[in-house]
Amino acid sequence: MASLPYTPVEMTAIDGSRGVHRRWSVIAYRDLFGALLVETRWGRCGCVGRTLIRCFPNEAAAGRYVSQLLARRRSAVKRIGVGYALRNAARGDLETNDTNVICVDRA
């Protein structure tokens, strides 16, 4: 299972010919009370977008949730016709493959 992204992971899916200009990001952090939160932001590039913050009892549950989110991003080519490219990540276990689809190191 991948470790949690305690630094923001930001991705974009852009295809001007199709009118697709999307952004997506995820970050995990602990609040002042020690609760583990995963914050996801998405929307059209340049717009305010939406934010969803979910609370988890432990890192394993949060890790499963983040893995599901990244799996959904990997299926973007089938859903919207363009894959997400990594814009910003200070993590060594996230990378893009030859089709700009996010891969997670499961080691």
Protein backbone atom coordinates (compact mmCIF):
# COMPACT_ATOMS: atom_id res chain seq x y z
CA MET A 1 0.00 0.00 0.00
CA ALA A 2 1.24 3.46 -0.86
CA SER A 3 2.11 5.86 1.92
CA LEU A 4 -0.10 8.89 2.37
CA PRO A 5 0.64 12.08 0.41
CA TYR A 6 1.50 14.46 3.26
CA THR A 7 2.67 16.92 0.59
CA PRO A 8 0.16 17.99 -2.08
CA VAL A 9 -0.12 15.83 -5.18
CA GLU A 10 -1.46 17.96 -8.02
CA MET A 11 -2.51 16.70 -11.46
CA THR A 12 -4.07 18.18 -14.56
CA ALA A 13 -5.86 16.74 -17.58
CA ILE A 14 -5.69 19.14 -20.51
CA ASP A 15 -6.83 18.65 -24.10
CA GLY A 16 -7.77 21.92 -25.82
CA SER A 17 -9.30 20.20 -28.84
CA ARG A 18 -11.80 18.40 -26.58
CA GLY A 19 -12.35 21.34 -24.24
CA VAL A 20 -10.93 19.41 -21.27
CA HIS A 21 -9.05 21.55 -18.73
CA ARG A 22 -9.29 19.77 -15.38
CA ARG A 23 -7.24 19.86 -12.22
CA TRP A 24 -7.21 17.52 -9.24
CA SER A 25 -5.19 17.39 -6.02
CA VAL A 26 -5.01 15.35 -2.84
CA ILE A 27 -3.20 15.83 0.47
CA ALA A 28 -3.33 14.05 3.83
CA TYR A 29 -2.71 15.78 7.14
CA ARG A 30 -3.56 15.73 10.83
CA ASP A 31 -5.64 18.47 12.38
CA LEU A 32 -5.05 20.08 15.79
CA PHE A 33 -6.88 17.23 17.53
CA GLY A 34 -4.80 14.51 15.83
CA ALA A 35 -7.51 13.35 13.43
CA LEU A 36 -6.25 12.08 10.08
CA LEU A 37 -7.79 14.07 7.21
CA VAL A 38 -7.59 13.58 3.44
CA GLU A 39 -8.43 16.67 1.39
CA THR A 40 -9.33 16.36 -2.29
CA ARG A 41 -9.75 19.35 -4.60
CA TRP A 42 -11.00 19.25 -8.19
CA GLY A 43 -12.47 21.42 -10.90
CA ARG A 44 -11.80 23.23 -14.11
CA CYS A 45 -8.38 24.92 -14.39
CA GLY A 46 -8.59 28.56 -13.35
CA CYS A 47 -11.88 28.17 -11.45
CA VAL A 48 -12.57 27.87 -7.74
CA GLY A 49 -13.59 24.20 -7.95
CA ARG A 50 -14.72 21.95 -5.15
CA THR A 51 -13.14 20.58 -1.99
CA LEU A 52 -13.93 17.42 -0.04
CA ILE A 53 -12.33 16.67 3.34
CA ARG A 54 -12.77 13.21 4.87
CA CYS A 55 -11.69 12.03 8.32
CA PHE A 56 -10.22 8.54 8.89
CA PRO A 57 -9.57 6.50 12.04
CA ASN A 58 -6.12 5.28 10.94
CA GLU A 59 -3.53 5.52 8.16
CA ALA A 60 -4.53 2.17 6.63
CA ALA A 61 -8.10 3.35 5.96
CA ALA A 62 -6.86 6.69 4.60
CA GLY A 63 -4.33 4.88 2.41
CA ARG A 64 -7.05 2.68 0.91
CA TYR A 65 -9.13 5.77 0.17
CA VAL A 66 -6.21 7.58 -1.51
CA SER A 67 -5.44 4.45 -3.56
CA GLN A 68 -9.06 4.38 -4.77
CA LEU A 69 -8.84 8.06 -5.71
CA LEU A 70 -5.65 7.49 -7.70
CA ALA A 71 -7.20 4.45 -9.42
CA ARG A 72 -10.07 6.69 -10.51
CA ARG A 73 -7.56 9.19 -11.96
CA ARG A 74 -5.87 6.34 -13.86
CA SER A 75 -9.18 5.56 -15.60
CA ALA A 76 -9.53 9.14 -16.90
CA VAL A 77 -8.41 8.19 -20.40
CA LYS A 78 -11.44 5.91 -20.75
CA ARG A 79 -13.82 8.38 -19.09
CA ILE A 80 -12.82 11.81 -20.43
CA GLY A 81 -10.45 10.94 -23.28
CA VAL A 82 -7.27 12.38 -21.75
CA GLY A 83 -5.05 11.22 -18.88
CA TYR A 84 -3.96 13.22 -15.86
CA ALA A 85 -0.37 14.46 -15.81
CA LEU A 86 1.49 15.06 -12.57
CA ARG A 87 2.05 18.79 -11.97
CA ASN A 88 3.56 18.85 -8.50
CA ALA A 89 4.62 16.07 -6.17
CA ALA A 90 7.50 15.96 -3.76
CA ARG A 91 7.06 12.21 -3.40
CA GLY A 92 9.34 9.64 -4.96
CA ASP A 93 6.74 6.89 -5.28
CA LEU A 94 4.36 8.78 -7.60
CA GLU A 95 5.30 8.93 -11.24
CA THR A 96 3.75 9.03 -14.67
CA ASN A 97 4.08 6.30 -17.24
CA ASP A 98 4.36 6.75 -21.01
CA THR A 99 0.69 7.77 -21.30
CA ASN A 100 0.88 10.39 -18.47
CA VAL A 101 -1.22 8.23 -16.18
CA ILE A 102 -0.40 8.22 -12.48
CA CYS A 103 1.34 5.14 -11.11
CA VAL A 104 1.75 4.36 -7.42
CA ASP A 105 4.67 2.37 -6.06
CA ARG A 106 3.06 -0.41 -4.02
CA ALA A 107 6.30 -1.53 -2.36
